[in-house]
Amino acid sequence: MPQVTLNASLSRDKGSRSSRRLRQAGSIPAVVYGGGVDAVSIAVDAKAFRTAVSGDQGLNSLINLDADGQKYLVMAREIQRHPVRGTVAHVDFQVVDPNQPVVTEVPLHIVGDAVEVRHADWEVDQQMFSLEIKARPDQIPTHIEVDISELKTGDAIHIEDLVLAKGVVALGDPAASVVTTRPGRVAITAETAEEIPVAVVAAE
């Protein structure tokens, strides 16, 4: 996995007033923790941070963080956003060991065409859009593909059915549904129309 470099400043005051000033100046208050180091308060440039996590790996990008000469290999873990503007208000950076697995989430991408489901006027219903996994930082995939080509009406794809790359372990209930199928509007209407005469006869 490629690594990006992000510079940070250690010289920031704590407190909400100081954080507001930082944001107004185009910086983001942040903290570095984990890896056996004491939590360190830092500030990073907002634009530089967006660039650092704008690649294919997104928030799972490995970042070489240089805080006034103190260097850490980190990943952005928890991000707080402004409730109205949606801008990043605070970032937690976790120190990681490139040789040890971490727990993170990756997006699930539907691929293929469920032909039998579509021809029966049923629909594919995606239940999960991301998956929690455990993997070494360099083995974290950009996404996991969910192939629906073989789906039939009434079928479902569960976590245990997913094809994962070497070194990637799915977390959570293996029987949890990732994708299910359900009757579409046309199929429901047809079923209802078929049931009406039966109900009338029964009433008579």
N, C-alpha and C. Protein backbone atom coordinates (compact mmCIF):
# COMPACT_ATOMS: atom_id res chain seq x y z
N MET A 1 0.84 -1.19 0.00
CA MET A 1 0.00 0.00 0.00
C MET A 1 0.88 1.25 0.00
N PRO A 2 0.65 2.19 -0.91
CA PRO A 2 1.43 3.43 -0.90
C PRO A 2 1.15 4.24 0.35
N GLN A 3 2.16 5.00 0.78
CA GLN A 3 2.02 5.83 1.95
C GLN A 3 2.09 7.30 1.55
N VAL A 4 1.37 8.13 2.29
CA VAL A 4 1.39 9.57 2.04
C VAL A 4 1.98 10.25 3.26
N THR A 5 2.52 11.44 3.05
CA THR A 5 3.13 12.20 4.14
C THR A 5 2.24 13.38 4.49
N LEU A 6 2.06 13.60 5.78
CA LEU A 6 1.25 14.71 6.26
C LEU A 6 2.01 15.40 7.39
N ASN A 7 2.21 16.70 7.24
CA ASN A 7 2.90 17.47 8.27
C ASN A 7 1.90 17.95 9.32
N ALA A 8 2.36 18.03 10.55
CA ALA A 8 1.51 18.47 11.65
C ALA A 8 2.31 19.38 12.57
N SER A 9 1.57 20.12 13.37
CA SER A 9 2.19 21.03 14.33
C SER A 9 1.85 20.60 15.75
N LEU A 10 2.86 20.60 16.62
CA LEU A 10 2.64 20.25 18.02
C LEU A 10 2.25 21.47 18.85
N SER A 11 2.49 22.65 18.31
CA SER A 11 2.29 23.88 19.07
C SER A 11 0.85 24.38 18.93
N ARG A 12 -0.05 23.69 19.62
CA ARG A 12 -1.43 24.17 19.66
C ARG A 12 -1.96 24.09 21.08
N ASP A 13 -2.73 25.08 21.44
CA ASP A 13 -3.34 25.10 22.76
C ASP A 13 -4.60 24.24 22.76
N LYS A 14 -4.91 23.67 23.90
CA LYS A 14 -6.11 22.86 24.03
C LYS A 14 -7.30 23.75 24.37
N GLY A 15 -8.49 23.21 24.20
CA GLY A 15 -9.69 23.96 24.53
C GLY A 15 -10.49 24.32 23.29
N SER A 16 -11.79 24.53 23.49
CA SER A 16 -12.68 24.79 22.37
C SER A 16 -12.38 26.12 21.68
N ARG A 17 -11.98 27.13 22.43
CA ARG A 17 -11.68 28.43 21.82
C ARG A 17 -10.47 28.34 20.90
N SER A 18 -9.45 27.63 21.36
CA SER A 18 -8.26 27.43 20.52
C SER A 18 -8.60 26.62 19.28
N SER A 19 -9.45 25.61 19.44
CA SER A 19 -9.85 24.77 18.29
C SER A 19 -10.60 25.59 17.26
N ARG A 20 -11.45 26.50 17.71
CA ARG A 20 -12.18 27.35 16.77
C ARG A 20 -11.23 28.23 15.97
N ARG A 21 -10.23 28.77 16.66
CA ARG A 21 -9.25 29.61 15.96
C ARG A 21 -8.48 28.81 14.92
N LEU A 22 -8.14 27.58 15.27
CA LEU A 22 -7.43 26.72 14.32
C LEU A 22 -8.26 26.48 13.07
N ARG A 23 -9.54 26.16 13.26
CA ARG A 23 -10.41 25.88 12.12
C ARG A 23 -10.58 27.12 11.25
N GLN A 24 -10.71 28.26 11.88
CA GLN A 24 -10.85 29.49 11.12
C GLN A 24 -9.61 29.79 10.30
N ALA A 25 -8.46 29.29 10.77
CA ALA A 25 -7.20 29.51 10.06
C ALA A 25 -6.91 28.41 9.04
N GLY A 26 -7.87 27.46 8.87
CA GLY A 26 -7.69 26.41 7.88
C GLY A 26 -7.00 25.16 8.37
N SER A 27 -6.95 25.00 9.69
CA SER A 27 -6.32 23.80 10.27
C SER A 27 -7.36 22.97 11.00
N ILE A 28 -6.98 21.73 11.31
CA ILE A 28 -7.87 20.81 12.02
C ILE A 28 -7.19 20.37 13.31
N PRO A 29 -7.82 20.56 14.46
CA PRO A 29 -7.25 20.00 15.69
C PRO A 29 -7.33 18.47 15.64
N ALA A 30 -6.31 17.82 16.16
CA ALA A 30 -6.26 16.36 16.08
C ALA A 30 -5.47 15.81 17.26
N VAL A 31 -5.51 14.48 17.39
CA VAL A 31 -4.76 13.80 18.44
C VAL A 31 -4.15 12.54 17.85
N VAL A 32 -2.96 12.20 18.31
CA VAL A 32 -2.28 10.96 17.93
C VAL A 32 -2.24 10.06 19.15
N TYR A 33 -2.62 8.79 18.99
CA TYR A 33 -2.64 7.88 20.14
C TYR A 33 -2.30 6.47 19.67
N GLY A 34 -2.07 5.59 20.64
CA GLY A 34 -1.81 4.18 20.35
C GLY A 34 -0.34 3.89 20.12
N GLY A 35 -0.06 2.61 19.91
CA GLY A 35 1.31 2.21 19.63
C GLY A 35 2.25 2.40 20.80
N GLY A 36 1.70 2.45 22.03
CA GLY A 36 2.56 2.60 23.19
C GLY A 36 3.02 4.02 23.45
N VAL A 37 2.48 5.01 22.71
CA VAL A 37 2.87 6.40 22.92
C VAL A 37 1.76 7.13 23.65
N ASP A 38 2.13 8.14 24.43
CA ASP A 38 1.13 8.97 25.09
C ASP A 38 0.38 9.79 24.04
N ALA A 39 -0.88 10.08 24.32
CA ALA A 39 -1.67 10.87 23.39
C ALA A 39 -1.02 12.23 23.18
N VAL A 40 -0.94 12.64 21.91
CA VAL A 40 -0.29 13.90 21.55
C VAL A 40 -1.29 14.76 20.79
N SER A 41 -1.48 15.99 21.25
CA SER A 41 -2.37 16.94 20.57
C SER A 41 -1.61 17.63 19.45
N ILE A 42 -2.19 17.65 18.26
CA ILE A 42 -1.53 18.25 17.10
C ILE A 42 -2.56 19.06 16.31
N ALA A 43 -2.09 19.70 15.26
CA ALA A 43 -2.95 20.37 14.30
C ALA A 43 -2.42 20.05 12.90
N VAL A 44 -3.33 19.78 11.97
CA VAL A 44 -2.94 19.50 10.59
C VAL A 44 -3.69 20.45 9.66
N ASP A 45 -3.07 20.76 8.53
CA ASP A 45 -3.71 21.61 7.55
C ASP A 45 -4.91 20.88 6.94
N ALA A 46 -6.07 21.54 6.90
CA ALA A 46 -7.30 20.89 6.43
C ALA A 46 -7.17 20.43 4.98
N LYS A 47 -6.62 21.25 4.12
CA LYS A 47 -6.49 20.90 2.71
C LYS A 47 -5.53 19.73 2.54
N ALA A 48 -4.42 19.74 3.29
CA ALA A 48 -3.44 18.66 3.20
C ALA A 48 -4.04 17.35 3.69
N PHE A 49 -4.88 17.42 4.73
CA PHE A 49 -5.52 16.20 5.23
C PHE A 49 -6.47 15.63 4.18
N ARG A 50 -7.27 16.48 3.55
CA ARG A 50 -8.19 16.00 2.51
C ARG A 50 -7.42 15.32 1.39
N THR A 51 -6.29 15.88 1.03
CA THR A 51 -5.46 15.28 -0.02
C THR A 51 -4.92 13.92 0.43
N ALA A 52 -4.52 13.83 1.69
CA ALA A 52 -3.92 12.59 2.22
C ALA A 52 -4.90 11.42 2.20
N VAL A 53 -6.20 11.70 2.35
CA VAL A 53 -7.19 10.62 2.41
C VAL A 53 -8.08 10.59 1.17
N SER A 54 -7.63 11.23 0.10
CA SER A 54 -8.44 11.29 -1.12
C SER A 54 -8.13 10.18 -2.12
N GLY A 55 -7.14 9.33 -1.79
CA GLY A 55 -6.78 8.24 -2.69
C GLY A 55 -7.77 7.09 -2.62
N ASP A 56 -7.44 6.00 -3.31
CA ASP A 56 -8.33 4.83 -3.35
C ASP A 56 -8.59 4.25 -1.97
N GLN A 57 -7.62 4.35 -1.06
CA GLN A 57 -7.79 3.76 0.27
C GLN A 57 -8.64 4.63 1.19
N GLY A 58 -8.85 5.88 0.82
CA GLY A 58 -9.68 6.75 1.65
C GLY A 58 -9.13 6.87 3.06
N LEU A 59 -10.01 6.69 4.06
CA LEU A 59 -9.59 6.81 5.46
C LEU A 59 -8.70 5.67 5.91
N ASN A 60 -8.55 4.64 5.08
CA ASN A 60 -7.65 3.53 5.41
C ASN A 60 -6.24 3.76 4.87
N SER A 61 -5.98 4.97 4.40
CA SER A 61 -4.65 5.29 3.88
C SER A 61 -3.62 5.26 5.01
N LEU A 62 -2.44 4.74 4.70
CA LEU A 62 -1.32 4.79 5.64
C LEU A 62 -0.67 6.16 5.51
N ILE A 63 -0.52 6.85 6.63
CA ILE A 63 0.00 8.22 6.62
C ILE A 63 1.28 8.31 7.43
N ASN A 64 2.32 8.85 6.81
CA ASN A 64 3.53 9.18 7.54
C ASN A 64 3.34 10.58 8.12
N LEU A 65 3.04 10.63 9.40
CA LEU A 65 2.75 11.90 10.06
C LEU A 65 4.02 12.47 10.66
N ASP A 66 4.37 13.68 10.24
CA ASP A 66 5.56 14.36 10.74
C ASP A 66 5.10 15.54 11.60
N ALA A 67 5.16 15.36 12.91
CA ALA A 67 4.73 16.41 13.84
C ALA A 67 5.95 17.12 14.39
N ASP A 68 6.37 18.16 13.70
CA ASP A 68 7.55 18.94 14.11
C ASP A 68 8.75 18.04 14.38
N GLY A 69 8.96 17.08 13.50
CA GLY A 69 10.12 16.20 13.62
C GLY A 69 9.82 14.87 14.30
N GLN A 70 8.72 14.79 15.04
CA GLN A 70 8.32 13.52 15.63
C GLN A 70 7.48 12.77 14.58
N LYS A 71 7.93 11.58 14.21
CA LYS A 71 7.30 10.87 13.10
C LYS A 71 6.53 9.65 13.58
N TYR A 72 5.34 9.49 13.00
CA TYR A 72 4.46 8.39 13.35
C TYR A 72 3.87 7.81 12.07
N LEU A 73 3.68 6.50 12.05
CA LEU A 73 2.93 5.86 10.99
C LEU A 73 1.51 5.68 11.51
N VAL A 74 0.54 6.34 10.88
CA VAL A 74 -0.80 6.39 11.44
C VAL A 74 -1.87 6.13 10.38
N MET A 75 -3.08 5.91 10.89
CA MET A 75 -4.28 5.88 10.07
C MET A 75 -5.30 6.77 10.74
N ALA A 76 -6.11 7.45 9.95
CA ALA A 76 -7.17 8.30 10.49
C ALA A 76 -8.31 7.39 10.94
N ARG A 77 -8.62 7.42 12.23
CA ARG A 77 -9.63 6.51 12.76
C ARG A 77 -10.97 7.20 12.97
N GLU A 78 -11.06 8.08 13.91
CA GLU A 78 -12.34 8.74 14.18
C GLU A 78 -12.30 10.18 13.67
N ILE A 79 -13.32 10.53 12.89
CA ILE A 79 -13.41 11.88 12.34
C ILE A 79 -14.71 12.52 12.81
N GLN A 80 -14.60 13.69 13.38
CA GLN A 80 -15.77 14.46 13.79
C GLN A 80 -16.00 15.57 12.77
N ARG A 81 -17.26 15.75 12.39
CA ARG A 81 -17.60 16.76 11.39
C ARG A 81 -18.54 17.81 11.97
N HIS A 82 -18.50 18.99 11.37
CA HIS A 82 -19.40 20.05 11.77
C HIS A 82 -20.83 19.62 11.44
N PRO A 83 -21.77 19.76 12.38
CA PRO A 83 -23.12 19.24 12.16
C PRO A 83 -23.88 19.90 11.01
N VAL A 84 -23.50 21.11 10.61
CA VAL A 84 -24.20 21.82 9.54
C VAL A 84 -23.38 21.83 8.25
N ARG A 85 -22.13 22.28 8.35
CA ARG A 85 -21.30 22.43 7.14
C ARG A 85 -20.72 21.10 6.66
N GLY A 86 -20.58 20.14 7.56
CA GLY A 86 -20.02 18.86 7.18
C GLY A 86 -18.50 18.85 7.08
N THR A 87 -17.86 19.96 7.42
CA THR A 87 -16.40 20.02 7.37
C THR A 87 -15.80 19.24 8.54
N VAL A 88 -14.56 18.78 8.36
CA VAL A 88 -13.89 18.00 9.41
C VAL A 88 -13.54 18.92 10.57
N ALA A 89 -13.99 18.56 11.76
CA ALA A 89 -13.77 19.39 12.95
C ALA A 89 -12.67 18.83 13.85
N HIS A 90 -12.44 17.52 13.78
CA HIS A 90 -11.41 16.90 14.63
C HIS A 90 -11.08 15.53 14.07
N VAL A 91 -9.82 15.12 14.22
CA VAL A 91 -9.37 13.81 13.71
C VAL A 91 -8.59 13.09 14.80
N ASP A 92 -8.87 11.81 14.95
CA ASP A 92 -8.05 10.94 15.80
C ASP A 92 -7.17 10.10 14.89
N PHE A 93 -5.85 10.22 15.06
CA PHE A 93 -4.90 9.40 14.30
C PHE A 93 -4.39 8.27 15.20
N GLN A 94 -4.48 7.04 14.72
CA GLN A 94 -4.00 5.89 15.49
C GLN A 94 -2.65 5.44 14.95
N VAL A 95 -1.69 5.32 15.85
CA VAL A 95 -0.39 4.78 15.47
C VAL A 95 -0.53 3.29 15.17
N VAL A 96 -0.01 2.84 14.03
CA VAL A 96 -0.15 1.43 13.64
C VAL A 96 1.22 0.81 13.38
N ASP A 97 1.25 -0.49 13.53
CA ASP A 97 2.43 -1.29 13.18
C ASP A 97 2.13 -1.94 11.83
N PRO A 98 2.94 -1.68 10.82
CA PRO A 98 2.65 -2.23 9.50
C PRO A 98 2.62 -3.74 9.45
N ASN A 99 3.18 -4.40 10.47
CA ASN A 99 3.22 -5.85 10.49
C ASN A 99 2.12 -6.48 11.36
N GLN A 100 1.27 -5.64 11.95
CA GLN A 100 0.21 -6.14 12.82
C GLN A 100 -1.15 -5.77 12.24
N PRO A 101 -2.14 -6.68 12.36
CA PRO A 101 -3.47 -6.39 11.81
C PRO A 101 -4.18 -5.29 12.59
N VAL A 102 -5.04 -4.58 11.87
CA VAL A 102 -5.89 -3.56 12.48
C VAL A 102 -7.33 -3.86 12.11
N VAL A 103 -8.25 -3.30 12.87
CA VAL A 103 -9.67 -3.46 12.58
C VAL A 103 -10.17 -2.19 11.91
N THR A 104 -10.84 -2.36 10.77
CA THR A 104 -11.34 -1.20 10.04
C THR A 104 -12.56 -1.61 9.21
N GLU A 105 -13.11 -0.67 8.48
CA GLU A 105 -14.25 -0.95 7.61
C GLU A 105 -13.89 -0.64 6.16
N VAL A 106 -14.39 -1.45 5.25
CA VAL A 106 -14.19 -1.21 3.82
C VAL A 106 -15.56 -1.26 3.13
N PRO A 107 -15.72 -0.50 2.06
CA PRO A 107 -17.02 -0.51 1.36
C PRO A 107 -17.26 -1.80 0.60
N LEU A 108 -18.54 -2.14 0.44
CA LEU A 108 -18.96 -3.30 -0.35
C LEU A 108 -19.52 -2.80 -1.68
N HIS A 109 -19.01 -3.35 -2.78
CA HIS A 109 -19.46 -2.96 -4.11
C HIS A 109 -20.18 -4.12 -4.79
N ILE A 110 -21.41 -3.89 -5.22
CA ILE A 110 -22.17 -4.90 -5.95
C ILE A 110 -21.66 -4.98 -7.38
N VAL A 111 -21.39 -6.20 -7.85
CA VAL A 111 -20.97 -6.41 -9.23
C VAL A 111 -21.82 -7.52 -9.84
N GLY A 112 -21.91 -7.51 -11.17
CA GLY A 112 -22.67 -8.55 -11.86
C GLY A 112 -24.12 -8.17 -12.05
N ASP A 113 -24.85 -9.05 -12.72
CA ASP A 113 -26.27 -8.81 -13.01
C ASP A 113 -27.06 -10.05 -12.59
N ALA A 114 -27.98 -9.87 -11.67
CA ALA A 114 -28.83 -10.98 -11.21
C ALA A 114 -29.95 -11.19 -12.23
N VAL A 115 -29.62 -11.85 -13.32
CA VAL A 115 -30.54 -11.97 -14.46
C VAL A 115 -31.83 -12.67 -14.06
N GLU A 116 -31.73 -13.81 -13.37
CA GLU A 116 -32.94 -14.56 -12.99
C GLU A 116 -33.84 -13.75 -12.06
N VAL A 117 -33.23 -13.01 -11.17
CA VAL A 117 -34.01 -12.17 -10.26
C VAL A 117 -34.73 -11.08 -11.03
N ARG A 118 -34.02 -10.46 -11.96
CA ARG A 118 -34.60 -9.36 -12.74
C ARG A 118 -35.71 -9.86 -13.65
N HIS A 119 -35.52 -11.02 -14.28
CA HIS A 119 -36.54 -11.56 -15.19
C HIS A 119 -37.81 -11.98 -14.45
N ALA A 120 -37.68 -12.29 -13.17
CA ALA A 120 -38.85 -12.66 -12.38
C ALA A 120 -39.53 -11.43 -11.77
N ASP A 121 -39.06 -10.26 -12.15
CA ASP A 121 -39.59 -9.00 -11.62
C ASP A 121 -39.38 -8.88 -10.11
N TRP A 122 -38.29 -9.49 -9.65
CA TRP A 122 -37.87 -9.32 -8.26
C TRP A 122 -36.77 -8.26 -8.21
N GLU A 123 -36.36 -7.89 -7.01
CA GLU A 123 -35.34 -6.88 -6.83
C GLU A 123 -34.23 -7.39 -5.92
N VAL A 124 -33.03 -6.85 -6.14
CA VAL A 124 -31.90 -7.13 -5.27
C VAL A 124 -31.84 -6.03 -4.21
N ASP A 125 -31.80 -6.42 -2.96
CA ASP A 125 -31.83 -5.47 -1.85
C ASP A 125 -30.50 -5.55 -1.09
N GLN A 126 -29.69 -4.51 -1.20
CA GLN A 126 -28.41 -4.49 -0.50
C GLN A 126 -28.62 -4.11 0.96
N GLN A 127 -28.26 -5.01 1.87
CA GLN A 127 -28.47 -4.82 3.30
C GLN A 127 -27.27 -4.17 3.98
N MET A 128 -26.07 -4.44 3.48
CA MET A 128 -24.84 -3.91 4.08
C MET A 128 -24.05 -3.16 3.01
N PHE A 129 -23.52 -2.02 3.39
CA PHE A 129 -22.76 -1.21 2.44
C PHE A 129 -21.28 -1.11 2.80
N SER A 130 -20.92 -1.62 3.96
CA SER A 130 -19.52 -1.70 4.36
C SER A 130 -19.36 -2.92 5.26
N LEU A 131 -18.13 -3.38 5.39
CA LEU A 131 -17.85 -4.58 6.18
C LEU A 131 -16.68 -4.32 7.10
N GLU A 132 -16.84 -4.70 8.36
CA GLU A 132 -15.74 -4.59 9.31
C GLU A 132 -14.80 -5.77 9.11
N ILE A 133 -13.52 -5.48 8.95
CA ILE A 133 -12.54 -6.53 8.70
C ILE A 133 -11.33 -6.36 9.61
N LYS A 134 -10.50 -7.40 9.61
CA LYS A 134 -9.23 -7.33 10.32
C LYS A 134 -8.15 -7.74 9.32
N ALA A 135 -7.14 -6.89 9.17
CA ALA A 135 -6.07 -7.16 8.21
C ALA A 135 -4.88 -6.27 8.51
N ARG A 136 -3.72 -6.67 8.02
CA ARG A 136 -2.55 -5.80 8.11
C ARG A 136 -2.80 -4.55 7.27
N PRO A 137 -2.25 -3.40 7.67
CA PRO A 137 -2.49 -2.17 6.91
C PRO A 137 -2.22 -2.30 5.42
N ASP A 138 -1.18 -3.06 5.05
CA ASP A 138 -0.85 -3.17 3.63
C ASP A 138 -1.73 -4.18 2.89
N GLN A 139 -2.61 -4.88 3.62
CA GLN A 139 -3.49 -5.85 2.99
C GLN A 139 -4.96 -5.41 2.99
N ILE A 140 -5.21 -4.19 3.47
CA ILE A 140 -6.58 -3.69 3.49
C ILE A 140 -7.03 -3.39 2.06
N PRO A 141 -8.09 -4.00 1.58
CA PRO A 141 -8.56 -3.74 0.21
C PRO A 141 -9.26 -2.39 0.12
N THR A 142 -9.27 -1.82 -1.08
CA THR A 142 -10.00 -0.56 -1.28
C THR A 142 -11.50 -0.80 -1.16
N HIS A 143 -11.93 -2.01 -1.54
CA HIS A 143 -13.34 -2.39 -1.43
C HIS A 143 -13.43 -3.90 -1.56
N ILE A 144 -14.60 -4.45 -1.28
CA ILE A 144 -14.86 -5.88 -1.44
C ILE A 144 -16.03 -6.03 -2.41
N GLU A 145 -15.83 -6.85 -3.43
CA GLU A 145 -16.88 -7.05 -4.43
C GLU A 145 -17.86 -8.13 -3.98
N VAL A 146 -19.13 -7.86 -4.24
CA VAL A 146 -20.20 -8.81 -3.95
C VAL A 146 -20.85 -9.17 -5.27
N ASP A 147 -20.55 -10.38 -5.77
CA ASP A 147 -21.04 -10.81 -7.08
C ASP A 147 -22.45 -11.38 -6.96
N ILE A 148 -23.40 -10.73 -7.62
CA ILE A 148 -24.80 -11.16 -7.54
C ILE A 148 -25.25 -11.93 -8.77
N SER A 149 -24.32 -12.30 -9.64
CA SER A 149 -24.66 -12.94 -10.92
C SER A 149 -25.46 -14.23 -10.75
N GLU A 150 -25.19 -15.00 -9.70
CA GLU A 150 -25.83 -16.30 -9.53
C GLU A 150 -27.07 -16.25 -8.64
N LEU A 151 -27.47 -15.07 -8.23
CA LEU A 151 -28.63 -14.96 -7.35
C LEU A 151 -29.91 -15.41 -8.05
N LYS A 152 -30.76 -16.08 -7.28
CA LYS A 152 -32.10 -16.47 -7.74
C LYS A 152 -33.13 -15.89 -6.77
N THR A 153 -34.38 -15.91 -7.15
CA THR A 153 -35.42 -15.36 -6.28
C THR A 153 -35.41 -16.09 -4.94
N GLY A 154 -35.47 -15.34 -3.88
CA GLY A 154 -35.45 -15.92 -2.54
C GLY A 154 -34.07 -16.15 -1.98
N ASP A 155 -33.03 -15.94 -2.81
CA ASP A 155 -31.66 -16.16 -2.36
C ASP A 155 -31.16 -14.96 -1.54
N ALA A 156 -30.04 -15.20 -0.86
CA ALA A 156 -29.35 -14.14 -0.12
C ALA A 156 -27.86 -14.43 -0.14
N ILE A 157 -27.07 -13.39 0.02
CA ILE A 157 -25.62 -13.54 0.16
C ILE A 157 -25.26 -13.08 1.57
N HIS A 158 -24.53 -13.93 2.29
CA HIS A 158 -24.18 -13.64 3.67
C HIS A 158 -22.69 -13.30 3.77
N ILE A 159 -22.29 -12.79 4.91
CA ILE A 159 -20.88 -12.45 5.11
C ILE A 159 -19.98 -13.65 4.83
N GLU A 160 -20.41 -14.83 5.26
CA GLU A 160 -19.60 -16.03 5.08
C GLU A 160 -19.46 -16.43 3.62
N ASP A 161 -20.29 -15.87 2.74
CA ASP A 161 -20.23 -16.20 1.32
C ASP A 161 -19.26 -15.30 0.54
N LEU A 162 -18.79 -14.23 1.17
CA LEU A 162 -17.94 -13.27 0.47
C LEU A 162 -16.55 -13.86 0.19
N VAL A 163 -16.02 -13.49 -0.96
CA VAL A 163 -14.67 -13.91 -1.33
C VAL A 163 -13.70 -12.80 -0.90
N LEU A 164 -12.83 -13.13 0.05
CA LEU A 164 -11.92 -12.14 0.61
C LEU A 164 -10.49 -12.42 0.18
N ALA A 165 -9.72 -11.37 0.06
CA ALA A 165 -8.31 -11.52 -0.30
C ALA A 165 -7.53 -12.17 0.83
N LYS A 166 -6.38 -12.70 0.51
CA LYS A 166 -5.53 -13.35 1.50
C LYS A 166 -5.17 -12.36 2.60
N GLY A 167 -5.29 -12.81 3.85
CA GLY A 167 -4.94 -11.98 4.99
C GLY A 167 -6.07 -11.13 5.51
N VAL A 168 -7.22 -11.16 4.83
CA VAL A 168 -8.37 -10.35 5.25
C VAL A 168 -9.38 -11.24 5.96
N VAL A 169 -9.76 -10.88 7.15
CA VAL A 169 -10.72 -11.65 7.94
C VAL A 169 -11.95 -10.79 8.19
N ALA A 170 -13.12 -11.33 7.85
CA ALA A 170 -14.37 -10.61 8.08
C ALA A 170 -14.78 -10.75 9.54
N LEU A 171 -15.26 -9.68 10.14
CA LEU A 171 -15.74 -9.69 11.50
C LEU A 171 -17.27 -9.61 11.50
N GLY A 172 -17.86 -9.87 12.63
CA GLY A 172 -19.31 -9.85 12.69
C GLY A 172 -19.90 -11.24 12.50
N ASP A 173 -21.22 -11.30 12.49
CA ASP A 173 -21.95 -12.56 12.37
C ASP A 173 -21.80 -13.11 10.95
N PRO A 174 -21.21 -14.30 10.77
CA PRO A 174 -21.04 -14.85 9.43
C PRO A 174 -22.36 -15.04 8.68
N ALA A 175 -23.46 -15.21 9.43
CA ALA A 175 -24.76 -15.46 8.80
C ALA A 175 -25.50 -14.16 8.47
N ALA A 176 -24.92 -13.01 8.80
CA ALA A 176 -25.58 -11.73 8.51
C ALA A 176 -25.72 -11.54 7.00
N SER A 177 -26.87 -11.05 6.58
CA SER A 177 -27.15 -10.88 5.14
C SER A 177 -26.49 -9.61 4.61
N VAL A 178 -25.78 -9.78 3.51
CA VAL A 178 -25.19 -8.65 2.79
C VAL A 178 -26.16 -8.19 1.71
N VAL A 179 -26.72 -9.16 0.99
CA VAL A 179 -27.67 -8.89 -0.09
C VAL A 179 -28.82 -9.89 0.03
N THR A 180 -30.04 -9.42 -0.16
CA THR A 180 -31.20 -10.31 -0.21
C THR A 180 -31.98 -10.01 -1.49
N THR A 181 -33.02 -10.81 -1.74
CA THR A 181 -33.91 -10.57 -2.88
C THR A 181 -35.34 -10.44 -2.38
N ARG A 182 -36.14 -9.67 -3.09
CA ARG A 182 -37.53 -9.47 -2.69
C ARG A 182 -38.38 -9.24 -3.92
N PRO A 183 -39.68 -9.55 -3.86
CA PRO A 183 -40.55 -9.29 -5.01
C PRO A 183 -40.63 -7.81 -5.32
N GLY A 184 -40.58 -7.49 -6.62
CA GLY A 184 -40.74 -6.10 -7.03
C GLY A 184 -42.21 -5.74 -7.09
N ARG A 185 -42.52 -4.51 -7.45
CA ARG A 185 -43.90 -4.06 -7.48
C ARG A 185 -44.75 -4.88 -8.46
N VAL A 186 -44.15 -5.18 -9.63
CA VAL A 186 -44.89 -5.95 -10.64
C VAL A 186 -45.21 -7.33 -10.11
N ALA A 187 -44.23 -7.98 -9.46
CA ALA A 187 -44.43 -9.32 -8.94
C ALA A 187 -45.47 -9.31 -7.82
N ILE A 188 -45.44 -8.31 -6.97
CA ILE A 188 -46.41 -8.22 -5.87
C ILE A 188 -47.82 -8.01 -6.42
N THR A 189 -47.93 -7.14 -7.43
CA THR A 189 -49.24 -6.88 -8.04
C THR A 189 -49.81 -8.13 -8.67
N ALA A 190 -48.94 -8.91 -9.36
CA ALA A 190 -49.39 -10.14 -10.01
C ALA A 190 -49.86 -11.16 -8.97
N GLU A 191 -49.11 -11.26 -7.86
CA GLU A 191 -49.49 -12.21 -6.82
C GLU A 191 -50.82 -11.81 -6.19
N THR A 192 -51.02 -10.52 -5.99
CA THR A 192 -52.26 -10.04 -5.39
C THR A 192 -53.45 -10.32 -6.31
N ALA A 193 -53.24 -10.10 -7.61
CA ALA A 193 -54.31 -10.33 -8.59
C ALA A 193 -54.72 -11.80 -8.63
N GLU A 194 -53.74 -12.70 -8.45
CA GLU A 194 -54.03 -14.13 -8.47
C GLU A 194 -54.80 -14.56 -7.23
N GLU A 195 -54.58 -13.85 -6.12
CA GLU A 195 -55.22 -14.24 -4.87
C GLU A 195 -56.65 -13.76 -4.76
N ILE A 196 -57.03 -12.71 -5.48
CA ILE A 196 -58.35 -12.12 -5.36
C ILE A 196 -59.48 -13.11 -5.70
N PRO A 197 -59.42 -13.83 -6.84
CA PRO A 197 -60.50 -14.77 -7.14
C PRO A 197 -60.67 -15.85 -6.09
N VAL A 198 -59.54 -16.30 -5.52
CA VAL A 198 -59.59 -17.32 -4.47
C VAL A 198 -60.34 -16.81 -3.27
N ALA A 199 -60.07 -15.56 -2.91
CA ALA A 199 -60.72 -14.96 -1.75
C ALA A 199 -62.23 -14.81 -2.00
N VAL A 200 -62.61 -14.46 -3.23
CA VAL A 200 -64.02 -14.30 -3.57
C VAL A 200 -64.77 -15.61 -3.48
N VAL A 201 -64.15 -16.68 -4.02
CA VAL A 201 -64.77 -18.00 -3.97
C VAL A 201 -64.95 -18.46 -2.53
N ALA A 202 -63.93 -18.22 -1.72
CA ALA A 202 -63.99 -18.64 -0.31
C ALA A 202 -65.13 -17.92 0.40
N ALA A 203 -65.34 -16.64 0.06
CA ALA A 203 -66.42 -15.88 0.69
C ALA A 203 -67.77 -16.41 0.29
N GLU A 204 -67.91 -16.81 -0.97
CA GLU A 204 -69.17 -17.36 -1.44
C GLU A 204 -69.48 -18.71 -0.80
